[in-house]
């Protein structure tokens, strides 16, 4: 299994233009929320109906385990993001079917529009997941690392990611 720095460096190689990264800071969270919403139906009751399990809950739990295996503090941060996203998805899934679908699909399309603008207009390079599907999981983590670095946290990781990317140019 690749290390955290290897995953993020490979992803960074597809995201060198700061304008592309900026479109991803908007687009990726929208896509994550869309997935949380659209996969929050159906809900299967467990523990005599005290809780319910959804495809979104399963997906976000598995993704969080992946993130925790890569890095405990970042995995914990992604767990918070996952829980908040799953809560939003659950809330939206409890609304009317029309609102649930319109919002979920709208978020998904808008998020991907931001992604495509970033790659086609600014980066002029295909998205990372085209070459490695794990890029779909690394994208949200990359955004978290970018935001943490902008706030003065995990700068060592940010430097290592971009140093490794520069070495591959």
N, C-alpha and C. Protein backbone atom coordinates (compact mmCIF):
# COMPACT_ATOMS: atom_id res chain seq x y z
N UNK A 1 0.84 -1.19 0.00
CA UNK A 1 0.00 0.00 0.00
C UNK A 1 0.88 1.24 0.00
N UNK A 2 0.50 2.20 -0.82
CA UNK A 2 1.24 3.45 -0.89
C UNK A 2 1.08 4.25 0.40
N UNK A 3 2.06 5.09 0.66
CA UNK A 3 2.01 5.95 1.84
C UNK A 3 1.11 7.15 1.56
N UNK A 4 0.80 7.86 2.63
CA UNK A 4 0.01 9.09 2.51
C UNK A 4 0.67 10.06 1.54
N UNK A 5 1.97 10.28 1.72
CA UNK A 5 2.68 11.24 0.86
C UNK A 5 2.69 10.77 -0.59
N UNK A 6 2.82 9.48 -0.82
CA UNK A 6 2.82 8.97 -2.20
C UNK A 6 1.45 9.19 -2.85
N UNK A 7 0.39 8.88 -2.13
CA UNK A 7 -0.96 9.10 -2.68
C UNK A 7 -1.17 10.58 -3.01
N UNK A 8 -0.85 11.43 -2.06
CA UNK A 8 -1.11 12.86 -2.24
C UNK A 8 -0.18 13.48 -3.28
N UNK A 9 1.05 13.00 -3.38
CA UNK A 9 1.98 13.51 -4.40
C UNK A 9 1.51 13.14 -5.80
N UNK A 10 1.04 11.91 -5.95
CA UNK A 10 0.52 11.49 -7.25
C UNK A 10 -0.68 12.34 -7.62
N UNK A 11 -1.56 12.59 -6.66
CA UNK A 11 -2.74 13.43 -6.92
C UNK A 11 -2.31 14.86 -7.25
N UNK A 12 -1.32 15.37 -6.52
CA UNK A 12 -0.84 16.74 -6.75
C UNK A 12 -0.28 16.93 -8.15
N UNK A 13 0.27 15.86 -8.73
CA UNK A 13 0.82 15.94 -10.08
C UNK A 13 -0.24 16.32 -11.11
N UNK A 14 -1.50 16.07 -10.81
CA UNK A 14 -2.60 16.41 -11.69
C UNK A 14 -3.24 17.75 -11.32
N UNK A 15 -2.69 18.38 -10.29
CA UNK A 15 -3.29 19.60 -9.76
C UNK A 15 -2.21 20.61 -9.42
N UNK A 16 -1.50 21.07 -10.44
CA UNK A 16 -0.39 22.01 -10.23
C UNK A 16 -0.82 23.47 -10.35
N UNK A 17 -1.88 23.73 -11.07
CA UNK A 17 -2.38 25.09 -11.26
C UNK A 17 -3.26 25.47 -10.07
N UNK A 18 -2.92 26.58 -9.42
CA UNK A 18 -3.66 26.98 -8.21
C UNK A 18 -5.13 27.26 -8.51
N UNK A 19 -5.43 27.69 -9.74
CA UNK A 19 -6.83 27.93 -10.10
C UNK A 19 -7.60 26.62 -10.17
N UNK A 20 -6.93 25.57 -10.65
CA UNK A 20 -7.56 24.25 -10.67
C UNK A 20 -7.82 23.77 -9.25
N UNK A 21 -6.83 23.95 -8.37
CA UNK A 21 -7.02 23.55 -6.97
C UNK A 21 -8.19 24.33 -6.37
N UNK A 22 -8.30 25.61 -6.71
CA UNK A 22 -9.41 26.42 -6.19
C UNK A 22 -10.76 25.89 -6.66
N UNK A 23 -10.84 25.45 -7.92
CA UNK A 23 -12.11 24.88 -8.39
C UNK A 23 -12.42 23.58 -7.65
N UNK A 24 -11.38 22.86 -7.26
CA UNK A 24 -11.57 21.61 -6.53
C UNK A 24 -12.00 21.86 -5.09
N UNK A 25 -11.56 22.96 -4.51
CA UNK A 25 -11.97 23.30 -3.14
C UNK A 25 -13.49 23.50 -3.09
N UNK A 26 -14.07 23.93 -4.20
CA UNK A 26 -15.52 24.07 -4.28
C UNK A 26 -16.16 22.78 -4.78
N UNK A 27 -15.64 22.23 -5.87
CA UNK A 27 -16.27 21.10 -6.54
C UNK A 27 -16.27 19.81 -5.74
N UNK A 28 -15.15 19.48 -5.12
CA UNK A 28 -15.08 18.20 -4.40
C UNK A 28 -16.06 18.15 -3.22
N UNK A 29 -16.14 19.17 -2.37
CA UNK A 29 -17.15 19.11 -1.30
C UNK A 29 -18.58 18.99 -1.84
N UNK A 30 -18.88 19.64 -2.96
CA UNK A 30 -20.22 19.51 -3.53
C UNK A 30 -20.48 18.06 -3.97
N UNK A 31 -19.49 17.43 -4.56
CA UNK A 31 -19.64 16.04 -5.00
C UNK A 31 -19.79 15.12 -3.79
N UNK A 32 -19.00 15.35 -2.75
CA UNK A 32 -19.10 14.53 -1.54
C UNK A 32 -20.50 14.66 -0.93
N UNK A 33 -21.01 15.87 -0.85
CA UNK A 33 -22.37 16.07 -0.32
C UNK A 33 -23.41 15.40 -1.22
N UNK A 34 -23.22 15.48 -2.53
CA UNK A 34 -24.15 14.84 -3.45
C UNK A 34 -24.17 13.33 -3.26
N UNK A 35 -22.99 12.74 -3.13
CA UNK A 35 -22.91 11.29 -2.93
C UNK A 35 -23.57 10.91 -1.61
N UNK A 36 -23.30 11.70 -0.57
CA UNK A 36 -23.93 11.44 0.73
C UNK A 36 -25.44 11.49 0.61
N UNK A 37 -25.94 12.46 -0.11
CA UNK A 37 -27.39 12.60 -0.26
C UNK A 37 -27.98 11.49 -1.11
N UNK A 38 -27.42 11.27 -2.27
CA UNK A 38 -28.01 10.31 -3.19
C UNK A 38 -27.92 8.87 -2.69
N UNK A 39 -26.92 8.58 -1.85
CA UNK A 39 -26.78 7.23 -1.30
C UNK A 39 -27.41 7.08 0.08
N UNK A 40 -28.18 8.08 0.50
CA UNK A 40 -28.86 7.98 1.80
C UNK A 40 -30.24 7.34 1.69
N UNK A 41 -30.61 6.94 0.52
CA UNK A 41 -31.79 6.12 0.31
C UNK A 41 -31.33 4.90 -0.45
N UNK A 42 -31.74 3.73 -0.14
CA UNK A 42 -32.65 3.36 0.92
C UNK A 42 -31.95 3.33 2.28
N UNK A 43 -32.75 3.27 3.33
CA UNK A 43 -32.26 3.14 4.71
C UNK A 43 -32.82 1.85 5.29
N UNK A 44 -31.94 1.02 5.83
CA UNK A 44 -32.36 -0.25 6.40
C UNK A 44 -32.30 -0.16 7.92
N UNK A 45 -33.39 -0.42 8.60
CA UNK A 45 -33.39 -0.33 10.07
C UNK A 45 -32.55 -1.46 10.68
N UNK A 46 -31.82 -1.11 11.72
CA UNK A 46 -31.05 -2.09 12.51
C UNK A 46 -31.31 -1.83 13.98
N UNK A 47 -30.99 -2.80 14.81
CA UNK A 47 -31.20 -2.69 16.26
C UNK A 47 -32.65 -2.32 16.57
N UNK A 48 -33.55 -3.10 16.03
CA UNK A 48 -35.00 -2.91 16.25
C UNK A 48 -35.47 -1.53 15.82
N UNK A 49 -34.85 -1.00 14.78
CA UNK A 49 -35.26 0.29 14.24
C UNK A 49 -34.65 1.49 14.94
N UNK A 50 -33.78 1.26 15.93
CA UNK A 50 -33.16 2.37 16.65
C UNK A 50 -32.19 3.15 15.75
N UNK A 51 -31.58 2.48 14.81
CA UNK A 51 -30.67 3.10 13.85
C UNK A 51 -31.04 2.62 12.46
N UNK A 52 -30.51 3.30 11.47
CA UNK A 52 -30.67 2.82 10.10
C UNK A 52 -29.32 2.88 9.40
N UNK A 53 -29.13 1.95 8.49
CA UNK A 53 -27.91 1.88 7.70
C UNK A 53 -28.27 2.20 6.27
N UNK A 54 -27.44 3.03 5.64
CA UNK A 54 -27.65 3.41 4.25
C UNK A 54 -26.40 3.09 3.45
N UNK A 55 -26.51 3.04 2.13
CA UNK A 55 -25.31 2.89 1.33
C UNK A 55 -24.29 4.01 1.61
N UNK A 56 -24.76 5.21 1.89
CA UNK A 56 -23.86 6.32 2.20
C UNK A 56 -23.08 6.03 3.48
N UNK A 57 -23.77 5.55 4.50
CA UNK A 57 -23.09 5.25 5.78
C UNK A 57 -22.02 4.19 5.58
N UNK A 58 -22.32 3.17 4.80
CA UNK A 58 -21.33 2.12 4.54
C UNK A 58 -20.14 2.68 3.78
N UNK A 59 -20.40 3.45 2.72
CA UNK A 59 -19.32 4.04 1.92
C UNK A 59 -18.44 4.95 2.76
N UNK A 60 -19.05 5.84 3.55
CA UNK A 60 -18.28 6.79 4.34
C UNK A 60 -17.51 6.09 5.46
N UNK A 61 -18.07 5.03 6.03
CA UNK A 61 -17.34 4.26 7.05
C UNK A 61 -16.11 3.59 6.44
N UNK A 62 -16.27 2.99 5.27
CA UNK A 62 -15.12 2.34 4.61
C UNK A 62 -14.06 3.38 4.21
N UNK A 63 -14.50 4.52 3.69
CA UNK A 63 -13.56 5.57 3.30
C UNK A 63 -12.81 6.09 4.53
N UNK A 64 -13.50 6.27 5.63
CA UNK A 64 -12.85 6.75 6.85
C UNK A 64 -11.82 5.75 7.36
N UNK A 65 -12.12 4.46 7.26
CA UNK A 65 -11.12 3.45 7.65
C UNK A 65 -9.88 3.54 6.77
N UNK A 66 -10.07 3.77 5.48
CA UNK A 66 -8.94 3.96 4.57
C UNK A 66 -8.10 5.16 4.99
N UNK A 67 -8.77 6.28 5.27
CA UNK A 67 -8.06 7.50 5.68
C UNK A 67 -7.33 7.29 7.01
N UNK A 68 -7.97 6.61 7.96
CA UNK A 68 -7.34 6.35 9.26
C UNK A 68 -6.10 5.49 9.11
N UNK A 69 -6.13 4.56 8.17
CA UNK A 69 -4.97 3.70 7.93
C UNK A 69 -3.81 4.50 7.35
N UNK A 70 -4.12 5.52 6.56
CA UNK A 70 -3.08 6.36 5.98
C UNK A 70 -2.46 7.30 7.01
N UNK A 71 -3.31 7.89 7.86
CA UNK A 71 -2.83 8.89 8.82
C UNK A 71 -3.93 9.11 9.86
N UNK A 72 -3.62 8.86 11.13
CA UNK A 72 -4.65 8.96 12.17
C UNK A 72 -5.25 10.36 12.30
N UNK A 73 -4.46 11.42 12.44
CA UNK A 73 -5.08 12.74 12.59
C UNK A 73 -5.90 13.16 11.37
N UNK A 74 -5.36 12.93 10.17
CA UNK A 74 -6.12 13.27 8.97
C UNK A 74 -7.34 12.36 8.82
N UNK A 75 -7.18 11.10 9.18
CA UNK A 75 -8.31 10.17 9.15
C UNK A 75 -9.41 10.62 10.08
N UNK A 76 -9.03 11.12 11.26
CA UNK A 76 -10.02 11.65 12.20
C UNK A 76 -10.72 12.86 11.58
N UNK A 77 -9.94 13.75 10.95
CA UNK A 77 -10.53 14.91 10.28
C UNK A 77 -11.48 14.51 9.17
N UNK A 78 -11.08 13.52 8.38
CA UNK A 78 -11.95 13.04 7.31
C UNK A 78 -13.17 12.33 7.89
N UNK A 79 -13.01 11.71 9.06
CA UNK A 79 -14.16 11.10 9.73
C UNK A 79 -15.18 12.15 10.11
N UNK A 80 -14.72 13.31 10.56
CA UNK A 80 -15.64 14.41 10.88
C UNK A 80 -16.34 14.89 9.62
N UNK A 81 -15.57 15.05 8.54
CA UNK A 81 -16.16 15.45 7.26
C UNK A 81 -17.18 14.41 6.81
N UNK A 82 -16.83 13.14 6.93
CA UNK A 82 -17.74 12.06 6.53
C UNK A 82 -19.02 12.07 7.36
N UNK A 83 -18.88 12.24 8.67
CA UNK A 83 -20.06 12.25 9.54
C UNK A 83 -20.96 13.44 9.21
N UNK A 84 -20.37 14.59 8.99
CA UNK A 84 -21.17 15.78 8.64
C UNK A 84 -21.87 15.58 7.29
N UNK A 85 -21.15 15.00 6.35
CA UNK A 85 -21.73 14.74 5.03
C UNK A 85 -22.87 13.73 5.13
N UNK A 86 -22.64 12.66 5.89
CA UNK A 86 -23.68 11.64 6.07
C UNK A 86 -24.90 12.23 6.76
N UNK A 87 -24.68 13.10 7.75
CA UNK A 87 -25.81 13.76 8.42
C UNK A 87 -26.61 14.58 7.41
N UNK A 88 -25.91 15.35 6.58
CA UNK A 88 -26.59 16.15 5.56
C UNK A 88 -27.37 15.24 4.62
N UNK A 89 -26.72 14.16 4.17
CA UNK A 89 -27.39 13.22 3.27
C UNK A 89 -28.63 12.62 3.90
N UNK A 90 -28.53 12.25 5.17
CA UNK A 90 -29.68 11.69 5.89
C UNK A 90 -30.81 12.71 5.98
N UNK A 91 -30.45 13.94 6.32
CA UNK A 91 -31.46 15.00 6.42
C UNK A 91 -32.15 15.21 5.07
N UNK A 92 -31.36 15.28 4.00
CA UNK A 92 -31.94 15.53 2.68
C UNK A 92 -32.79 14.34 2.23
N UNK A 93 -32.37 13.13 2.56
CA UNK A 93 -33.13 11.94 2.17
C UNK A 93 -34.49 11.88 2.86
N UNK A 94 -34.65 12.59 3.97
CA UNK A 94 -35.93 12.61 4.69
C UNK A 94 -36.90 13.64 4.09
N UNK A 95 -36.43 14.42 3.14
CA UNK A 95 -37.29 15.42 2.49
C UNK A 95 -38.08 14.73 1.37
N UNK A 96 -38.84 15.49 0.65
CA UNK A 96 -39.60 14.91 -0.45
C UNK A 96 -38.64 14.31 -1.48
N UNK A 97 -39.13 13.35 -2.21
CA UNK A 97 -38.31 12.71 -3.24
C UNK A 97 -37.82 13.74 -4.26
N UNK A 98 -38.68 14.66 -4.62
CA UNK A 98 -38.30 15.68 -5.60
C UNK A 98 -37.17 16.55 -5.07
N UNK A 99 -37.28 17.02 -3.84
CA UNK A 99 -36.22 17.85 -3.27
C UNK A 99 -34.94 17.06 -3.11
N UNK A 100 -35.05 15.83 -2.61
CA UNK A 100 -33.88 14.96 -2.43
C UNK A 100 -33.14 14.76 -3.75
N UNK A 101 -33.87 14.36 -4.78
CA UNK A 101 -33.22 14.10 -6.07
C UNK A 101 -32.70 15.37 -6.72
N UNK A 102 -33.50 16.43 -6.72
CA UNK A 102 -33.09 17.68 -7.36
C UNK A 102 -31.83 18.23 -6.70
N UNK A 103 -31.81 18.22 -5.38
CA UNK A 103 -30.64 18.74 -4.67
C UNK A 103 -29.43 17.84 -4.88
N UNK A 104 -29.61 16.53 -4.73
CA UNK A 104 -28.50 15.61 -4.90
C UNK A 104 -27.91 15.67 -6.29
N UNK A 105 -28.76 15.63 -7.30
CA UNK A 105 -28.27 15.68 -8.68
C UNK A 105 -27.69 17.06 -8.99
N UNK A 106 -28.32 18.10 -8.49
CA UNK A 106 -27.81 19.46 -8.69
C UNK A 106 -26.41 19.64 -8.09
N UNK A 107 -26.23 19.16 -6.88
CA UNK A 107 -24.90 19.24 -6.25
C UNK A 107 -23.86 18.45 -7.04
N UNK A 108 -24.26 17.26 -7.50
CA UNK A 108 -23.34 16.40 -8.25
C UNK A 108 -22.92 17.06 -9.56
N UNK A 109 -23.88 17.55 -10.32
CA UNK A 109 -23.58 18.18 -11.62
C UNK A 109 -22.75 19.45 -11.42
N UNK A 110 -23.13 20.27 -10.44
CA UNK A 110 -22.39 21.50 -10.18
C UNK A 110 -20.96 21.20 -9.74
N UNK A 111 -20.80 20.22 -8.86
CA UNK A 111 -19.46 19.84 -8.42
C UNK A 111 -18.58 19.39 -9.56
N UNK A 112 -19.14 18.54 -10.44
CA UNK A 112 -18.35 18.06 -11.59
C UNK A 112 -18.10 19.18 -12.59
N UNK A 113 -19.00 20.14 -12.70
CA UNK A 113 -18.76 21.28 -13.59
C UNK A 113 -17.52 22.05 -13.11
N UNK A 114 -17.43 22.26 -11.80
CA UNK A 114 -16.24 22.93 -11.25
C UNK A 114 -14.98 22.11 -11.56
N UNK A 115 -15.06 20.80 -11.41
CA UNK A 115 -13.92 19.93 -11.68
C UNK A 115 -13.48 20.05 -13.14
N UNK A 116 -14.45 19.99 -14.03
CA UNK A 116 -14.13 20.05 -15.46
C UNK A 116 -13.55 21.40 -15.86
N UNK A 117 -14.10 22.47 -15.33
CA UNK A 117 -13.54 23.79 -15.61
C UNK A 117 -12.08 23.84 -15.16
N UNK A 118 -11.82 23.33 -13.97
CA UNK A 118 -10.45 23.33 -13.45
C UNK A 118 -9.49 22.56 -14.33
N UNK A 119 -9.91 21.40 -14.78
CA UNK A 119 -9.01 20.58 -15.59
C UNK A 119 -8.94 21.02 -17.04
N UNK A 120 -10.05 21.41 -17.63
CA UNK A 120 -10.04 21.77 -19.06
C UNK A 120 -9.53 23.19 -19.30
N UNK A 121 -9.93 24.11 -18.45
CA UNK A 121 -9.55 25.51 -18.68
C UNK A 121 -8.20 25.88 -18.06
N UNK A 122 -7.90 25.36 -16.88
CA UNK A 122 -6.70 25.78 -16.17
C UNK A 122 -5.57 24.76 -16.21
N UNK A 123 -5.86 23.53 -15.88
CA UNK A 123 -4.80 22.51 -15.75
C UNK A 123 -4.40 21.91 -17.09
N UNK A 124 -5.35 21.79 -17.99
CA UNK A 124 -5.13 21.16 -19.29
C UNK A 124 -4.57 19.75 -19.15
N UNK A 125 -5.12 19.05 -18.17
CA UNK A 125 -4.73 17.68 -17.90
C UNK A 125 -5.94 16.92 -17.37
N UNK A 126 -6.01 15.65 -17.71
CA UNK A 126 -7.14 14.83 -17.26
C UNK A 126 -7.13 14.72 -15.73
N UNK A 127 -8.29 14.42 -15.14
CA UNK A 127 -8.35 14.21 -13.69
C UNK A 127 -7.54 12.98 -13.26
N UNK A 128 -7.07 13.00 -12.03
CA UNK A 128 -6.21 11.93 -11.51
C UNK A 128 -6.91 10.58 -11.52
N UNK A 129 -8.21 10.55 -11.25
CA UNK A 129 -8.91 9.26 -11.14
C UNK A 129 -8.97 8.52 -12.48
N UNK A 130 -8.72 9.20 -13.59
CA UNK A 130 -8.73 8.53 -14.89
C UNK A 130 -7.61 7.49 -14.94
N UNK A 131 -6.46 7.82 -14.34
CA UNK A 131 -5.33 6.89 -14.31
C UNK A 131 -5.32 5.99 -13.08
N UNK A 132 -5.96 6.44 -12.01
CA UNK A 132 -5.99 5.67 -10.76
C UNK A 132 -7.27 6.00 -10.02
N UNK A 133 -8.18 5.04 -9.99
CA UNK A 133 -9.50 5.26 -9.40
C UNK A 133 -9.42 5.66 -7.92
N UNK A 134 -8.33 5.34 -7.26
CA UNK A 134 -8.14 5.75 -5.85
C UNK A 134 -8.14 7.28 -5.74
N UNK A 135 -7.88 7.95 -6.85
CA UNK A 135 -7.93 9.41 -6.85
C UNK A 135 -9.28 9.95 -6.41
N UNK A 136 -10.34 9.16 -6.59
CA UNK A 136 -11.66 9.59 -6.13
C UNK A 136 -11.71 9.67 -4.60
N UNK A 137 -10.94 8.82 -3.92
CA UNK A 137 -10.85 8.88 -2.45
C UNK A 137 -9.82 9.90 -1.99
N UNK A 138 -8.76 10.07 -2.77
CA UNK A 138 -7.68 10.97 -2.37
C UNK A 138 -8.07 12.42 -2.56
N UNK A 139 -8.94 12.72 -3.51
CA UNK A 139 -9.34 14.11 -3.76
C UNK A 139 -9.83 14.84 -2.52
N UNK A 140 -10.81 14.29 -1.78
CA UNK A 140 -11.25 14.99 -0.57
C UNK A 140 -10.13 15.15 0.47
N UNK A 141 -9.27 14.16 0.57
CA UNK A 141 -8.15 14.25 1.51
C UNK A 141 -7.17 15.33 1.07
N UNK A 142 -6.92 15.42 -0.23
CA UNK A 142 -6.05 16.46 -0.78
C UNK A 142 -6.58 17.84 -0.44
N UNK A 143 -7.89 18.02 -0.58
CA UNK A 143 -8.50 19.32 -0.26
C UNK A 143 -8.34 19.63 1.23
N UNK A 144 -8.54 18.62 2.08
CA UNK A 144 -8.36 18.84 3.51
C UNK A 144 -6.92 19.27 3.81
N UNK A 145 -5.94 18.61 3.20
CA UNK A 145 -4.53 18.96 3.42
C UNK A 145 -4.25 20.37 2.90
N UNK A 146 -4.79 20.72 1.75
CA UNK A 146 -4.60 22.07 1.21
C UNK A 146 -5.18 23.12 2.16
N UNK A 147 -6.38 22.87 2.68
CA UNK A 147 -7.01 23.82 3.60
C UNK A 147 -6.23 23.91 4.91
N UNK A 148 -5.82 22.76 5.45
CA UNK A 148 -5.05 22.77 6.69
C UNK A 148 -3.75 23.54 6.51
N UNK A 149 -3.09 23.35 5.39
CA UNK A 149 -1.84 24.06 5.11
C UNK A 149 -2.09 25.57 5.02
N UNK A 150 -3.18 25.96 4.38
CA UNK A 150 -3.51 27.39 4.27
C UNK A 150 -3.77 27.99 5.65
N UNK A 151 -4.23 27.15 6.59
CA UNK A 151 -4.49 27.62 7.96
C UNK A 151 -3.26 27.45 8.86
N UNK A 152 -2.11 27.07 8.26
CA UNK A 152 -0.87 26.94 9.02
C UNK A 152 -0.67 25.58 9.67
N UNK A 153 -1.47 24.59 9.31
CA UNK A 153 -1.36 23.26 9.90
C UNK A 153 -0.86 22.26 8.85
N UNK A 154 -0.14 21.26 9.30
CA UNK A 154 0.38 20.18 8.45
C UNK A 154 1.18 20.71 7.26
N UNK A 155 1.87 21.82 7.47
CA UNK A 155 2.68 22.39 6.38
C UNK A 155 3.81 21.45 5.97
N UNK A 156 4.31 20.67 6.92
CA UNK A 156 5.37 19.71 6.60
C UNK A 156 4.88 18.70 5.56
N UNK A 157 3.68 18.24 5.71
CA UNK A 157 3.10 17.30 4.75
C UNK A 157 2.89 17.99 3.41
N UNK A 158 2.40 19.20 3.44
CA UNK A 158 2.17 19.96 2.21
C UNK A 158 3.48 20.14 1.44
N UNK A 159 4.54 20.49 2.15
CA UNK A 159 5.86 20.66 1.52
C UNK A 159 6.34 19.33 0.94
N UNK A 160 6.18 18.25 1.69
CA UNK A 160 6.62 16.93 1.22
C UNK A 160 5.85 16.50 -0.03
N UNK A 161 4.57 16.76 -0.05
CA UNK A 161 3.75 16.40 -1.21
C UNK A 161 4.24 17.11 -2.46
N UNK A 162 4.42 18.41 -2.34
CA UNK A 162 4.80 19.20 -3.51
C UNK A 162 6.27 19.01 -3.87
N UNK A 163 7.11 18.67 -2.91
CA UNK A 163 8.51 18.34 -3.21
C UNK A 163 8.59 17.03 -3.99
N UNK A 164 7.82 16.07 -3.59
CA UNK A 164 7.81 14.77 -4.31
C UNK A 164 7.24 14.96 -5.70
N UNK A 165 6.21 15.81 -5.82
CA UNK A 165 5.63 16.08 -7.15
C UNK A 165 6.66 16.77 -8.02
N UNK A 166 7.38 17.75 -7.47
CA UNK A 166 8.39 18.47 -8.25
C UNK A 166 9.50 17.55 -8.72
N UNK A 167 9.83 16.57 -7.91
CA UNK A 167 10.90 15.62 -8.26
C UNK A 167 10.50 14.74 -9.45
N UNK A 168 9.20 14.56 -9.67
CA UNK A 168 8.75 13.71 -10.77
C UNK A 168 8.59 14.47 -12.08
N UNK A 169 8.74 15.77 -12.04
CA UNK A 169 8.55 16.57 -13.28
C UNK A 169 9.69 16.38 -14.23
